[in-house]
């Protein structure tokens, strides 16, 4: 397993992105832009992100399976209903939406560069290792689910 796989909790990855976005906002003031009512759009994105992520957490809790992103091999149930019928990773999608809200609030074009970087990092170091663990644990049921539901949306 490469050194970063399943080592950094996704909220810490998101917090790192938040801080880097704020740093870019400070270092590159010329790339600022504002949507009309940008704070409202930012709040809506962030609240949607919180709702999507919490819905994912609650689905795992109801299924009595682990929520720990660092130990996917401990999963006791394959959750495929509710929000998981639309996204295999609603908790990470929620984090991405929160980051989009933060980027909108900052109103800085360079800050938005961190959104695809977040997706690339999460795909490589978090989601793919989780998928391997779930495939090993749930076999054909996970294969069918992965074919039916997209990774993000």
C-alpha atoms as a PDB file:
ATOM      1  CA  UNK A   1       0.000   0.000   0.000  1.00  0.00           C
ATOM      2  CA  UNK A   2       1.481   3.403  -0.997  1.00  0.00           C
ATOM      3  CA  UNK A   3       2.281   5.627   1.991  1.00  0.00           C
ATOM      4  CA  UNK A   4      -0.695   8.008   1.712  1.00  0.00           C
ATOM      5  CA  UNK A   5      -3.401   5.398   1.074  1.00  0.00           C
ATOM      6  CA  UNK A   6      -5.980   5.441   3.860  1.00  0.00           C
ATOM      7  CA  UNK A   7      -3.623   7.420   6.117  1.00  0.00           C
ATOM      8  CA  UNK A   8      -5.037  10.954   6.141  1.00  0.00           C
ATOM      9  CA  UNK A   9      -8.632  11.340   7.360  1.00  0.00           C
ATOM     10  CA  UNK A  10     -10.751  12.980   4.633  1.00  0.00           C
ATOM     11  CA  UNK A  11     -11.798  15.867   6.918  1.00  0.00           C
ATOM     12  CA  UNK A  12      -8.076  16.641   7.358  1.00  0.00           C
ATOM     13  CA  UNK A  13      -7.652  16.621   3.566  1.00  0.00           C
ATOM     14  CA  UNK A  14     -10.576  19.028   3.313  1.00  0.00           C
ATOM     15  CA  UNK A  15      -9.150  21.277   6.048  1.00  0.00           C
ATOM     16  CA  UNK A  16      -5.818  21.347   4.215  1.00  0.00           C
ATOM     17  CA  UNK A  17      -7.642  22.411   1.046  1.00  0.00           C
ATOM     18  CA  UNK A  18      -9.525  25.107   3.009  1.00  0.00           C
ATOM     19  CA  UNK A  19      -6.251  26.515   4.312  1.00  0.00           C
ATOM     20  CA  UNK A  20      -4.578  26.375   0.895  1.00  0.00           C
ATOM     21  CA  UNK A  21      -7.572  28.131  -0.671  1.00  0.00           C
ATOM     22  CA  UNK A  22      -7.307  30.900   1.939  1.00  0.00           C
ATOM     23  CA  UNK A  23      -3.568  31.148   1.310  1.00  0.00           C
ATOM     24  CA  UNK A  24      -4.118  31.499  -2.449  1.00  0.00           C
ATOM     25  CA  UNK A  25      -6.705  34.192  -1.739  1.00  0.00           C
ATOM     26  CA  UNK A  26      -4.086  36.122   0.250  1.00  0.00           C
ATOM     27  CA  UNK A  27      -1.157  35.570  -2.110  1.00  0.00           C
ATOM     28  CA  UNK A  28      -2.977  36.275  -5.390  1.00  0.00           C
ATOM     29  CA  UNK A  29      -5.380  39.160  -4.750  1.00  0.00           C
ATOM     30  CA  UNK A  30      -5.726  39.905  -8.469  1.00  0.00           C
ATOM     31  CA  UNK A  31      -7.685  36.697  -9.113  1.00  0.00           C
ATOM     32  CA  UNK A  32     -10.628  37.719  -6.932  1.00  0.00           C
ATOM     33  CA  UNK A  33     -14.173  37.678  -8.320  1.00  0.00           C
ATOM     34  CA  UNK A  34     -17.550  37.912  -6.711  1.00  0.00           C
ATOM     35  CA  UNK A  35     -20.905  36.565  -7.751  1.00  0.00           C
ATOM     36  CA  UNK A  36     -23.888  38.706  -6.845  1.00  0.00           C
ATOM     37  CA  UNK A  37     -24.923  37.512  -3.369  1.00  0.00           C
ATOM     38  CA  UNK A  38     -21.864  35.264  -3.297  1.00  0.00           C
ATOM     39  CA  UNK A  39     -22.275  34.640   0.427  1.00  0.00           C
ATOM     40  CA  UNK A  40     -25.770  33.208  -0.179  1.00  0.00           C
ATOM     41  CA  UNK A  41     -24.540  30.879  -2.898  1.00  0.00           C
ATOM     42  CA  UNK A  42     -21.598  29.924  -0.691  1.00  0.00           C
ATOM     43  CA  UNK A  43     -23.875  29.160   2.251  1.00  0.00           C
ATOM     44  CA  UNK A  44     -26.232  27.114   0.070  1.00  0.00           C
ATOM     45  CA  UNK A  45     -23.357  25.016  -1.291  1.00  0.00           C
ATOM     46  CA  UNK A  46     -21.865  24.497   2.155  1.00  0.00           C
ATOM     47  CA  UNK A  47     -25.212  23.564   3.724  1.00  0.00           C
ATOM     48  CA  UNK A  48     -25.957  21.174   0.874  1.00  0.00           C
ATOM     49  CA  UNK A  49     -22.541  19.614   1.463  1.00  0.00           C
ATOM     50  CA  UNK A  50     -23.214  19.199   5.174  1.00  0.00           C
ATOM     51  CA  UNK A  51     -26.614  17.641   4.434  1.00  0.00           C
ATOM     52  CA  UNK A  52     -25.209  15.186   1.870  1.00  0.00           C
ATOM     53  CA  UNK A  53     -22.308  14.166   4.118  1.00  0.00           C
ATOM     54  CA  UNK A  54     -24.509  13.748   7.202  1.00  0.00           C
ATOM     55  CA  UNK A  55     -27.027  11.726   5.231  1.00  0.00           C
ATOM     56  CA  UNK A  56     -24.206   9.371   4.281  1.00  0.00           C
ATOM     57  CA  UNK A  57     -22.999   9.092   7.884  1.00  0.00           C
ATOM     58  CA  UNK A  58     -26.526   8.429   9.164  1.00  0.00           C
ATOM     59  CA  UNK A  59     -27.049   5.693   6.548  1.00  0.00           C
ATOM     60  CA  UNK A  60     -23.879   3.964   7.773  1.00  0.00           C
ATOM     61  CA  UNK A  61     -25.000   4.334  11.401  1.00  0.00           C
ATOM     62  CA  UNK A  62     -28.423   2.841  10.592  1.00  0.00           C
ATOM     63  CA  UNK A  63     -26.699  -0.099   8.879  1.00  0.00           C
ATOM     64  CA  UNK A  64     -24.426  -0.425  11.939  1.00  0.00           C
ATOM     65  CA  UNK A  65     -21.276  -0.385   9.843  1.00  0.00           C
ATOM     66  CA  UNK A  66     -18.070   1.535  10.367  1.00  0.00           C
ATOM     67  CA  UNK A  67     -17.885   5.186   9.410  1.00  0.00           C
ATOM     68  CA  UNK A  68     -14.094   5.179   9.744  1.00  0.00           C
ATOM     69  CA  UNK A  69     -12.547   6.085   6.383  1.00  0.00           C
ATOM     70  CA  UNK A  70      -9.211   4.673   7.551  1.00  0.00           C
ATOM     71  CA  UNK A  71     -10.487   1.117   8.038  1.00  0.00           C
ATOM     72  CA  UNK A  72     -12.850   0.161   5.190  1.00  0.00           C
ATOM     73  CA  UNK A  73     -12.025  -3.510   5.717  1.00  0.00           C
ATOM     74  CA  UNK A  74     -14.103  -3.324   8.936  1.00  0.00           C
ATOM     75  CA  UNK A  75     -17.301  -2.687   6.966  1.00  0.00           C
ATOM     76  CA  UNK A  76     -20.074  -5.038   8.079  1.00  0.00           C
ATOM     77  CA  UNK A  77     -22.693  -3.952   5.545  1.00  0.00           C
ATOM     78  CA  UNK A  78     -22.779  -2.704   1.983  1.00  0.00           C
ATOM     79  CA  UNK A  79     -25.043   0.352   2.035  1.00  0.00           C
ATOM     80  CA  UNK A  80     -26.672   0.838  -1.381  1.00  0.00           C
ATOM     81  CA  UNK A  81     -29.939   2.636  -0.645  1.00  0.00           C
ATOM     82  CA  UNK A  82     -30.893   6.231   0.067  1.00  0.00           C
ATOM     83  CA  UNK A  83     -28.142   8.676  -0.839  1.00  0.00           C
ATOM     84  CA  UNK A  84     -25.908   5.686  -1.680  1.00  0.00           C
ATOM     85  CA  UNK A  85     -28.216   4.858  -4.580  1.00  0.00           C
ATOM     86  CA  UNK A  86     -27.009   8.105  -6.218  1.00  0.00           C
ATOM     87  CA  UNK A  87     -23.362   8.311  -5.132  1.00  0.00           C
ATOM     88  CA  UNK A  88     -20.951   5.693  -3.840  1.00  0.00           C
ATOM     89  CA  UNK A  89     -19.200   8.432  -1.837  1.00  0.00           C
ATOM     90  CA  UNK A  90     -21.734  10.948  -0.520  1.00  0.00           C
ATOM     91  CA  UNK A  91     -19.575  11.828   2.492  1.00  0.00           C
ATOM     92  CA  UNK A  92     -16.737  12.886   0.182  1.00  0.00           C
ATOM     93  CA  UNK A  93     -19.175  14.569  -2.189  1.00  0.00           C
ATOM     94  CA  UNK A  94     -20.411  16.533   0.812  1.00  0.00           C
ATOM     95  CA  UNK A  95     -16.857  17.624   1.626  1.00  0.00           C
ATOM     96  CA  UNK A  96     -16.390  18.715  -1.993  1.00  0.00           C
ATOM     97  CA  UNK A  97     -19.603  20.762  -1.889  1.00  0.00           C
ATOM     98  CA  UNK A  98     -18.432  22.417   1.343  1.00  0.00           C
ATOM     99  CA  UNK A  99     -15.144  23.284  -0.368  1.00  0.00           C
ATOM    100  CA  UNK A 100     -17.088  24.725  -3.304  1.00  0.00           C
ATOM    101  CA  UNK A 101     -19.019  26.855  -0.817  1.00  0.00           C
ATOM    102  CA  UNK A 102     -15.766  28.075   0.722  1.00  0.00           C
ATOM    103  CA  UNK A 103     -14.327  28.832  -2.727  1.00  0.00           C
ATOM    104  CA  UNK A 104     -17.456  30.774  -3.610  1.00  0.00           C
ATOM    105  CA  UNK A 105     -17.299  32.694  -0.358  1.00  0.00           C
ATOM    106  CA  UNK A 106     -13.647  33.592  -0.969  1.00  0.00           C
ATOM    107  CA  UNK A 107     -14.554  34.681  -4.477  1.00  0.00           C
ATOM    108  CA  UNK A 108     -11.153  33.727  -5.775  1.00  0.00           C
ATOM    109  CA  UNK A 109     -10.540  31.907  -9.064  1.00  0.00           C
ATOM    110  CA  UNK A 110      -7.265  30.311  -7.920  1.00  0.00           C
ATOM    111  CA  UNK A 111      -8.984  28.838  -4.864  1.00  0.00           C
ATOM    112  CA  UNK A 112     -11.216  26.826  -7.187  1.00  0.00           C
ATOM    113  CA  UNK A 113      -8.109  25.010  -8.471  1.00  0.00           C
ATOM    114  CA  UNK A 114      -8.097  23.098  -5.198  1.00  0.00           C
ATOM    115  CA  UNK A 115     -11.446  21.440  -6.007  1.00  0.00           C
ATOM    116  CA  UNK A 116     -10.124  19.178  -8.784  1.00  0.00           C
ATOM    117  CA  UNK A 117      -6.978  18.583  -6.718  1.00  0.00           C
ATOM    118  CA  UNK A 118      -9.209  17.393  -3.851  1.00  0.00           C
ATOM    119  CA  UNK A 119     -11.062  15.012  -6.188  1.00  0.00           C
ATOM    120  CA  UNK A 120      -7.821  13.618  -7.631  1.00  0.00           C
ATOM    121  CA  UNK A 121      -6.335  13.099  -4.166  1.00  0.00           C
ATOM    122  CA  UNK A 122      -9.491  11.483  -2.801  1.00  0.00           C
ATOM    123  CA  UNK A 123      -9.836   9.181  -5.818  1.00  0.00           C
ATOM    124  CA  UNK A 124      -6.230   8.016  -5.602  1.00  0.00           C
ATOM    125  CA  UNK A 125      -5.504   7.792  -1.887  1.00  0.00           C
ATOM    126  CA  UNK A 126      -8.917   7.227  -0.304  1.00  0.00           C
ATOM    127  CA  UNK A 127     -11.589   5.973  -2.682  1.00  0.00           C
ATOM    128  CA  UNK A 128      -9.632   3.417  -4.716  1.00  0.00           C
ATOM    129  CA  UNK A 129      -8.229   1.709  -1.600  1.00  0.00           C
ATOM    130  CA  UNK A 130     -11.739   1.682  -0.103  1.00  0.00           C
ATOM    131  CA  UNK A 131     -13.087   0.151  -3.310  1.00  0.00           C
ATOM    132  CA  UNK A 132     -10.460  -2.596  -3.161  1.00  0.00           C
ATOM    133  CA  UNK A 133     -11.396  -3.357   0.448  1.00  0.00           C
ATOM    134  CA  UNK A 134     -15.120  -3.404  -0.315  1.00  0.00           C
ATOM    135  CA  UNK A 135     -14.575  -5.597  -3.360  1.00  0.00           C
ATOM    136  CA  UNK A 136     -12.619  -8.064  -1.237  1.00  0.00           C
ATOM    137  CA  UNK A 137     -15.267  -7.986   1.490  1.00  0.00           C
ATOM    138  CA  UNK A 138     -18.497  -8.020  -0.553  1.00  0.00           C
ATOM    139  CA  UNK A 139     -17.434  -9.512  -3.918  1.00  0.00           C
ATOM    140  CA  UNK A 140     -20.131  -9.680  -6.599  1.00  0.00           C
ATOM    141  CA  UNK A 141     -22.549  -7.515  -4.602  1.00  0.00           C
ATOM    142  CA  UNK A 142     -20.030  -4.671  -4.596  1.00  0.00           C
ATOM    143  CA  UNK A 143     -19.203  -5.207  -8.284  1.00  0.00           C
ATOM    144  CA  UNK A 144     -22.898  -4.901  -9.198  1.00  0.00           C
ATOM    145  CA  UNK A 145     -23.284  -1.818  -7.011  1.00  0.00           C
ATOM    146  CA  UNK A 146     -20.201  -0.134  -8.519  1.00  0.00           C
ATOM    147  CA  UNK A 147     -21.526  -0.782 -12.016  1.00  0.00           C
ATOM    148  CA  UNK A 148     -24.904   0.710 -11.107  1.00  0.00           C
ATOM    149  CA  UNK A 149     -23.834   3.790  -9.093  1.00  0.00           C
ATOM    150  CA  UNK A 150     -21.175   6.335 -10.026  1.00  0.00           C
ATOM    151  CA  UNK A 151     -18.237   7.119  -7.751  1.00  0.00           C
ATOM    152  CA  UNK A 152     -19.169  10.777  -7.147  1.00  0.00           C
ATOM    153  CA  UNK A 153     -22.534  11.611  -8.821  1.00  0.00           C
END
